[in-house]
Structure formats: C-alpha cells, structure tokens
PDB file of N, CA and C in Angstrom:
ATOM      1  N   UNK A   1     -19.303  -6.679 -17.116  1.00  0.00           N
ATOM      2  CA  UNK A   1     -17.847  -6.652 -17.891  1.00  0.00           C
ATOM      3  C   UNK A   1     -18.276  -8.677 -18.286  1.00  0.00           C
ATOM      4  N   UNK A   2     -17.183  -8.552 -19.954  1.00  0.00           N
ATOM      5  CA  UNK A   2     -17.464  -9.556 -20.510  1.00  0.00           C
ATOM      6  C   UNK A   2     -17.020 -11.139 -19.550  1.00  0.00           C
ATOM      7  N   UNK A   3     -17.516 -11.973 -19.291  1.00  0.00           N
ATOM      8  CA  UNK A   3     -18.027 -13.060 -18.765  1.00  0.00           C
ATOM      9  C   UNK A   3     -16.479 -14.392 -18.440  1.00  0.00           C
ATOM     10  N   UNK A   4     -16.143 -14.397 -20.137  1.00  0.00           N
ATOM     11  CA  UNK A   4     -14.177 -14.468 -20.461  1.00  0.00           C
ATOM     12  C   UNK A   4     -13.539 -13.632 -19.901  1.00  0.00           C
ATOM     13  N   UNK A   5     -14.127 -12.237 -19.920  1.00  0.00           N
ATOM     14  CA  UNK A   5     -12.993 -10.942 -19.661  1.00  0.00           C
ATOM     15  C   UNK A   5     -12.804 -11.726 -17.552  1.00  0.00           C
ATOM     16  N   UNK A   6     -13.110 -11.338 -17.598  1.00  0.00           N
ATOM     17  CA  UNK A   6     -13.901 -12.120 -15.052  1.00  0.00           C
ATOM     18  C   UNK A   6     -12.552 -13.193 -14.975  1.00  0.00           C
ATOM     19  N   UNK A   7     -13.226 -14.378 -16.086  1.00  0.00           N
ATOM     20  CA  UNK A   7     -12.475 -15.545 -16.088  1.00  0.00           C
ATOM     21  C   UNK A   7     -11.890 -15.974 -16.105  1.00  0.00           C
ATOM     22  N   UNK A   8     -11.199 -14.843 -17.242  1.00  0.00           N
ATOM     23  CA  UNK A   8      -9.536 -14.930 -17.248  1.00  0.00           C
ATOM     24  C   UNK A   8      -8.688 -13.510 -16.143  1.00  0.00           C
ATOM     25  N   UNK A   9      -9.074 -13.262 -15.783  1.00  0.00           N
ATOM     26  CA  UNK A   9      -8.359 -12.514 -14.347  1.00  0.00           C
ATOM     27  C   UNK A   9      -8.655 -13.689 -13.722  1.00  0.00           C
ATOM     28  N   UNK A  10      -9.750 -13.826 -12.839  1.00  0.00           N
ATOM     29  CA  UNK A  10      -9.819 -14.695 -11.994  1.00  0.00           C
ATOM     30  C   UNK A  10      -8.239 -15.505 -11.898  1.00  0.00           C
ATOM     31  N   UNK A  11      -8.277 -16.442 -12.977  1.00  0.00           N
ATOM     32  CA  UNK A  11      -7.509 -17.188 -13.386  1.00  0.00           C
ATOM     33  C   UNK A  11      -5.610 -16.933 -12.972  1.00  0.00           C
ATOM     34  N   UNK A  12      -5.665 -15.577 -13.407  1.00  0.00           N
ATOM     35  CA  UNK A  12      -4.436 -14.930 -12.629  1.00  0.00           C
ATOM     36  C   UNK A  12      -4.160 -15.069 -11.995  1.00  0.00           C
ATOM     37  N   UNK A  13      -5.294 -14.645 -10.910  1.00  0.00           N
ATOM     38  CA  UNK A  13      -5.596 -13.863  -9.708  1.00  0.00           C
ATOM     39  C   UNK A  13      -4.708 -15.881  -8.765  1.00  0.00           C
ATOM     40  N   UNK A  14      -5.663 -16.986 -10.058  1.00  0.00           N
ATOM     41  CA  UNK A  14      -5.030 -18.281  -8.816  1.00  0.00           C
ATOM     42  C   UNK A  14      -4.215 -18.407  -9.238  1.00  0.00           C
ATOM     43  N   UNK A  15      -3.261 -18.259 -10.022  1.00  0.00           N
ATOM     44  CA  UNK A  15      -1.863 -18.986 -10.607  1.00  0.00           C
ATOM     45  C   UNK A  15      -1.029 -17.615  -9.857  1.00  0.00           C
ATOM     46  N   UNK A  16      -1.236 -16.546  -9.870  1.00  0.00           N
ATOM     47  CA  UNK A  16      -0.596 -15.209  -8.656  1.00  0.00           C
ATOM     48  C   UNK A  16      -0.324 -16.448  -7.321  1.00  0.00           C
ATOM     49  N   UNK A  17      -1.268 -16.145  -6.389  1.00  0.00           N
ATOM     50  CA  UNK A  17      -1.822 -16.692  -5.334  1.00  0.00           C
ATOM     51  C   UNK A  17      -0.460 -18.399  -5.203  1.00  0.00           C
ATOM     52  N   UNK A  18      -0.900 -19.288  -5.887  1.00  0.00           N
ATOM     53  CA  UNK A  18      -0.400 -20.355  -6.141  1.00  0.00           C
ATOM     54  C   UNK A  18       1.556 -19.892  -5.817  1.00  0.00           C
ATOM     55  N   UNK A  19       1.579 -18.949  -6.869  1.00  0.00           N
ATOM     56  CA  UNK A  19       3.348 -19.151  -7.420  1.00  0.00           C
ATOM     57  C   UNK A  19       3.971 -18.382  -5.727  1.00  0.00           C
ATOM     58  N   UNK A  20       3.111 -16.989  -5.002  1.00  0.00           N
ATOM     59  CA  UNK A  20       3.169 -16.413  -4.267  1.00  0.00           C
ATOM     60  C   UNK A  20       2.493 -16.497  -3.332  1.00  0.00           C
ATOM     61  N   UNK A  21       2.140 -17.607  -3.005  1.00  0.00           N
ATOM     62  CA  UNK A  21       1.172 -17.264  -0.970  1.00  0.00           C
ATOM     63  C   UNK A  21       1.881 -16.207  -0.594  1.00  0.00           C
ATOM     64  N   UNK A  22       2.152 -15.565  -0.286  1.00  0.00           N
ATOM     65  CA  UNK A  22       2.649 -14.458   0.624  1.00  0.00           C
ATOM     66  C   UNK A  22       2.380 -13.533   0.757  1.00  0.00           C
ATOM     67  N   UNK A  23       1.540 -12.841  -0.868  1.00  0.00           N
ATOM     68  CA  UNK A  23       1.510 -11.748  -1.654  1.00  0.00           C
ATOM     69  C   UNK A  23      -0.035 -11.707  -0.803  1.00  0.00           C
ATOM     70  N   UNK A  24      -0.384 -10.714  -0.728  1.00  0.00           N
ATOM     71  CA  UNK A  24      -2.019 -10.456  -0.561  1.00  0.00           C
ATOM     72  C   UNK A  24      -2.146  -9.408  -2.503  1.00  0.00           C
ATOM     73  N   UNK A  25      -2.792 -10.084  -2.363  1.00  0.00           N
ATOM     74  CA  UNK A  25      -3.765  -9.037  -3.571  1.00  0.00           C
ATOM     75  C   UNK A  25      -5.309  -8.903  -3.298  1.00  0.00           C
ATOM     76  N   UNK A  26      -5.823  -7.908  -3.605  1.00  0.00           N
ATOM     77  CA  UNK A  26      -7.533  -7.737  -4.182  1.00  0.00           C
ATOM     78  C   UNK A  26      -7.552  -7.692  -5.370  1.00  0.00           C
ATOM     79  N   UNK A  27      -8.832  -8.144  -5.814  1.00  0.00           N
ATOM     80  CA  UNK A  27      -9.267  -7.907  -6.981  1.00  0.00           C
ATOM     81  C   UNK A  27     -10.629  -6.580  -7.000  1.00  0.00           C
ATOM     82  N   UNK A  28     -10.332  -6.218  -8.235  1.00  0.00           N
ATOM     83  CA  UNK A  28     -11.542  -5.044  -8.976  1.00  0.00           C
ATOM     84  C   UNK A  28     -11.903  -5.004  -9.484  1.00  0.00           C
ATOM     85  N   UNK A  29     -12.977  -5.286  -9.488  1.00  0.00           N
ATOM     86  CA  UNK A  29     -13.965  -5.968 -10.708  1.00  0.00           C
ATOM     87  C   UNK A  29     -14.753  -4.571 -11.743  1.00  0.00           C
ATOM     88  N   UNK A  30     -15.401  -4.369 -12.675  1.00  0.00           N
ATOM     89  CA  UNK A  30     -15.487  -2.956 -12.794  1.00  0.00           C
ATOM     90  C   UNK A  30     -16.701  -2.146 -12.283  1.00  0.00           C
ATOM     91  N   UNK A  31     -17.265  -3.426 -11.368  1.00  0.00           N
ATOM     92  CA  UNK A  31     -18.709  -2.275 -10.903  1.00  0.00           C
ATOM     93  C   UNK A  31     -17.748  -2.356  -9.002  1.00  0.00           C
ATOM     94  N   UNK A  32     -17.260  -2.116  -8.704  1.00  0.00           N
ATOM     95  CA  UNK A  32     -15.642  -1.848  -7.853  1.00  0.00           C
ATOM     96  C   UNK A  32     -15.240  -0.885  -8.037  1.00  0.00           C
ATOM     97  N   UNK A  33     -14.968  -0.133  -9.080  1.00  0.00           N
ATOM     98  CA  UNK A  33     -14.695   0.974  -9.199  1.00  0.00           C
ATOM     99  C   UNK A  33     -15.700   1.461  -9.800  1.00  0.00           C
ATOM    100  N   UNK A  34     -16.255   1.564 -10.721  1.00  0.00           N
ATOM    101  CA  UNK A  34     -17.195   2.341 -10.745  1.00  0.00           C
ATOM    102  C   UNK A  34     -18.159   2.837  -9.150  1.00  0.00           C
ATOM    103  N   UNK A  35     -18.140   2.259  -8.957  1.00  0.00           N
ATOM    104  CA  UNK A  35     -18.884   2.200  -7.677  1.00  0.00           C
ATOM    105  C   UNK A  35     -18.136   3.780  -5.978  1.00  0.00           C
ATOM    106  N   UNK A  36     -16.778   3.130  -6.398  1.00  0.00           N
ATOM    107  CA  UNK A  36     -14.988   4.466  -6.637  1.00  0.00           C
ATOM    108  C   UNK A  36     -15.474   5.135  -7.043  1.00  0.00           C
ATOM    109  N   UNK A  37     -15.130   5.459  -7.840  1.00  0.00           N
ATOM    110  CA  UNK A  37     -15.306   6.476  -8.647  1.00  0.00           C
ATOM    111  C   UNK A  37     -16.975   7.123  -8.330  1.00  0.00           C
ATOM    112  N   UNK A  38     -17.483   7.094  -7.992  1.00  0.00           N
ATOM    113  CA  UNK A  38     -19.160   8.064  -7.191  1.00  0.00           C
ATOM    114  C   UNK A  38     -19.165   7.969  -5.781  1.00  0.00           C
ATOM    115  N   UNK A  39     -18.134   6.850  -4.826  1.00  0.00           N
ATOM    116  CA  UNK A  39     -17.849   7.409  -3.810  1.00  0.00           C
ATOM    117  C   UNK A  39     -16.794   8.723  -3.716  1.00  0.00           C
ATOM    118  N   UNK A  40     -16.170   8.785  -4.521  1.00  0.00           N
ATOM    119  CA  UNK A  40     -15.052   9.803  -4.470  1.00  0.00           C
ATOM    120  C   UNK A  40     -14.938  11.436  -5.279  1.00  0.00           C
ATOM    121  N   UNK A  41     -16.621  11.042  -5.841  1.00  0.00           N
ATOM    122  CA  UNK A  41     -16.768  12.184  -6.935  1.00  0.00           C
ATOM    123  C   UNK A  41     -16.470  12.371  -7.105  1.00  0.00           C
ATOM    124  N   UNK A  42     -15.525  11.521  -9.138  1.00  0.00           N
ATOM    125  CA  UNK A  42     -14.903  11.254  -9.825  1.00  0.00           C
ATOM    126  C   UNK A  42     -15.774  11.037 -10.961  1.00  0.00           C
ATOM    127  N   UNK A  43     -17.442  10.695 -10.065  1.00  0.00           N
ATOM    128  CA  UNK A  43     -18.586  10.320 -11.311  1.00  0.00           C
ATOM    129  C   UNK A  43     -19.594  10.636 -10.730  1.00  0.00           C
ATOM    130  N   UNK A  44     -20.939  11.479 -11.851  1.00  0.00           N
ATOM    131  CA  UNK A  44     -22.292  11.441 -11.566  1.00  0.00           C
ATOM    132  C   UNK A  44     -23.135  10.484 -11.340  1.00  0.00           C
ATOM    133  N   UNK A  45     -23.736  10.695  -9.702  1.00  0.00           N
ATOM    134  CA  UNK A  45     -24.536   9.758  -8.556  1.00  0.00           C
ATOM    135  C   UNK A  45     -25.921   9.172 -10.003  1.00  0.00           C
ATOM    136  N   UNK A  46     -26.310   8.428  -9.704  1.00  0.00           N
ATOM    137  CA  UNK A  46     -27.634   7.812 -10.524  1.00  0.00           C
ATOM    138  C   UNK A  46     -28.637   8.111  -9.343  1.00  0.00           C
ATOM    139  N   UNK A  47     -30.021   9.016  -9.587  1.00  0.00           N
ATOM    140  CA  UNK A  47     -30.637   9.383  -9.083  1.00  0.00           C
ATOM    141  C   UNK A  47     -31.797   8.570  -8.547  1.00  0.00           C
ATOM    142  N   UNK A  48     -31.826   7.739  -9.516  1.00  0.00           N
ATOM    143  CA  UNK A  48     -33.243   6.764  -9.605  1.00  0.00           C
ATOM    144  C   UNK A  48     -32.388   5.226  -9.065  1.00  0.00           C
ATOM    145  N   UNK A  49     -31.589   4.991  -8.766  1.00  0.00           N
ATOM    146  CA  UNK A  49     -31.758   3.860  -7.261  1.00  0.00           C
ATOM    147  C   UNK A  49     -30.801   4.457  -6.421  1.00  0.00           C
ATOM    148  N   UNK A  50     -31.366   3.013  -5.351  1.00  0.00           N
ATOM    149  CA  UNK A  50     -30.644   4.249  -3.724  1.00  0.00           C
ATOM    150  C   UNK A  50     -29.419   4.443  -3.865  1.00  0.00           C
ATOM    151  N   UNK A  51     -28.351   3.100  -4.202  1.00  0.00           N
ATOM    152  CA  UNK A  51     -27.618   1.952  -3.954  1.00  0.00           C
ATOM    153  C   UNK A  51     -26.382   3.224  -5.098  1.00  0.00           C
ATOM    154  N   UNK A  52     -26.048   4.158  -5.704  1.00  0.00           N
ATOM    155  CA  UNK A  52     -25.402   4.488  -7.126  1.00  0.00           C
ATOM    156  C   UNK A  52     -24.932   3.853  -7.265  1.00  0.00           C
ATOM    157  N   UNK A  53     -24.875   3.486  -9.026  1.00  0.00           N
ATOM    158  CA  UNK A  53     -23.852   2.644  -9.805  1.00  0.00           C
ATOM    159  C   UNK A  53     -23.712   3.583 -10.864  1.00  0.00           C
ATOM    160  N   UNK A  54     -22.719   3.823 -11.168  1.00  0.00           N
ATOM    161  CA  UNK A  54     -22.685   4.254 -12.506  1.00  0.00           C
ATOM    162  C   UNK A  54     -23.142   3.263 -13.498  1.00  0.00           C
ATOM    163  N   UNK A  55     -23.094   3.216 -14.804  1.00  0.00           N
ATOM    164  CA  UNK A  55     -23.622   2.021 -15.680  1.00  0.00           C
ATOM    165  C   UNK A  55     -22.204   2.029 -16.794  1.00  0.00           C
ATOM    166  N   UNK A  56     -21.075   2.996 -16.743  1.00  0.00           N
ATOM    167  CA  UNK A  56     -19.991   3.903 -18.100  1.00  0.00           C
ATOM    168  C   UNK A  56     -19.248   3.757 -16.814  1.00  0.00           C
ATOM    169  N   UNK A  57     -17.851   4.372 -18.036  1.00  0.00           N
ATOM    170  CA  UNK A  57     -16.852   4.580 -17.049  1.00  0.00           C
ATOM    171  C   UNK A  57     -16.832   5.490 -17.727  1.00  0.00           C
ATOM    172  N   UNK A  58     -16.604   7.051 -16.836  1.00  0.00           N
ATOM    173  CA  UNK A  58     -16.409   8.401 -17.204  1.00  0.00           C
ATOM    174  C   UNK A  58     -15.005   8.932 -18.613  1.00  0.00           C
ATOM    175  N   UNK A  59     -15.290   9.234 -19.178  1.00  0.00           N
ATOM    176  CA  UNK A  59     -13.984  10.421 -20.092  1.00  0.00           C
ATOM    177  C   UNK A  59     -12.836  10.059 -19.394  1.00  0.00           C
ATOM    178  N   UNK A  60     -11.869  11.237 -20.249  1.00  0.00           N
ATOM    179  CA  UNK A  60     -11.042  11.834 -19.797  1.00  0.00           C
ATOM    180  C   UNK A  60     -11.365  12.843 -19.353  1.00  0.00           C
ATOM    181  N   UNK A  61     -10.257  13.788 -18.150  1.00  0.00           N
ATOM    182  CA  UNK A  61     -10.874  14.663 -17.547  1.00  0.00           C
ATOM    183  C   UNK A  61     -10.783  16.193 -18.767  1.00  0.00           C
ATOM    184  N   UNK A  62     -11.735  17.449 -17.886  1.00  0.00           N
ATOM    185  CA  UNK A  62     -12.237  17.687 -18.674  1.00  0.00           C
ATOM    186  C   UNK A  62     -10.948  19.188 -18.699  1.00  0.00           C
ATOM    187  N   UNK A  63     -10.034  19.363 -19.755  1.00  0.00           N
ATOM    188  CA  UNK A  63      -9.305  20.935 -19.269  1.00  0.00           C
ATOM    189  C   UNK A  63      -9.782  21.577 -19.841  1.00  0.00           C
ATOM    190  N   UNK A  64      -9.263  22.906 -19.482  1.00  0.00           N
ATOM    191  CA  UNK A  64      -9.941  24.857 -19.997  1.00  0.00           C
ATOM    192  C   UNK A  64      -8.840  24.968 -19.388  1.00  0.00           C
ATOM    193  N   UNK A  65      -9.261  25.863 -20.404  1.00  0.00           N
ATOM    194  CA  UNK A  65      -8.140  26.810 -21.293  1.00  0.00           C
ATOM    195  C   UNK A  65      -7.651  28.313 -20.951  1.00  0.00           C
ATOM    196  N   UNK A  66      -6.925  28.365 -19.887  1.00  0.00           N
ATOM    197  CA  UNK A  66      -7.397  29.566 -19.056  1.00  0.00           C
ATOM    198  C   UNK A  66      -6.912  30.780 -19.641  1.00  0.00           C
ATOM    199  N   UNK A  67      -5.632  30.359 -20.784  1.00  0.00           N
ATOM    200  CA  UNK A  67      -5.266  31.923 -22.261  1.00  0.00           C
ATOM    201  C   UNK A  67      -4.512  32.643 -21.707  1.00  0.00           C
ATOM    202  N   UNK A  68      -4.680  33.934 -21.896  1.00  0.00           N
ATOM    203  CA  UNK A  68      -3.977  34.984 -21.485  1.00  0.00           C
ATOM    204  C   UNK A  68      -4.240  35.666 -19.937  1.00  0.00           C
ATOM    205  N   UNK A  69      -5.835  34.587 -18.932  1.00  0.00           N
ATOM    206  CA  UNK A  69      -6.247  35.201 -17.722  1.00  0.00           C
ATOM    207  C   UNK A  69      -4.760  34.932 -16.954  1.00  0.00           C
ATOM    208  N   UNK A  70      -3.831  34.069 -17.590  1.00  0.00           N
ATOM    209  CA  UNK A  70      -2.506  33.806 -16.430  1.00  0.00           C
ATOM    210  C   UNK A  70      -1.798  34.969 -16.021  1.00  0.00           C
ATOM    211  N   UNK A  71      -1.182  34.877 -17.880  1.00  0.00           N
ATOM    212  CA  UNK A  71      -0.011  34.901 -18.515  1.00  0.00           C
ATOM    213  C   UNK A  71      -0.143  37.341 -17.730  1.00  0.00           C
ATOM    214  N   UNK A  72      -1.249  37.607 -17.408  1.00  0.00           N
ATOM    215  CA  UNK A  72      -1.606  38.909 -17.497  1.00  0.00           C
ATOM    216  C   UNK A  72      -1.771  39.165 -15.912  1.00  0.00           C
ATOM    217  N   UNK A  73      -0.575  40.598 -15.334  1.00  0.00           N
ATOM    218  CA  UNK A  73      -0.537  40.493 -14.071  1.00  0.00           C
ATOM    219  C   UNK A  73       0.446  41.528 -13.360  1.00  0.00           C
TER     220      UNK A  73
END
C-alpha cells in the first residue's frame, strides 16, 4: 500500500482517538484484509510461502446464469 495513504489513515485514526477517547477502533491494513480473505476462503493460498499472503485483492464475485434450468419444473 502507498505509504502516503497509510500515513493519512493513521492520522485520521489518531484524530478520532483524540476527539472520541471512549471509542475503540482497530486499524486494518491491506495485508490484514488480504490475510482475512485467505483465512475465510475468499482468496487462493500462495503455495510458495508457508504463510499464505495474496498479492492482490480478488475481483468481483462470479455470477453463474442458470437460465431456464430453474424455471423448468
């Protein structure tokens, strides 16, 4: 992820914590999100590494058109 964007995100979280100290928040970075995708089976594991870390965010879900098969009955 672009370091400039990470710095901006961290600044927003810092400001949120200053303004609302009672609110608990967890920051998720891209690597955290991608690891969750692998953990819950939404992305394929990388077989080369012991710890699977995908290199990209997967595209939109695939839609399968069943056509007339569901209407027949």
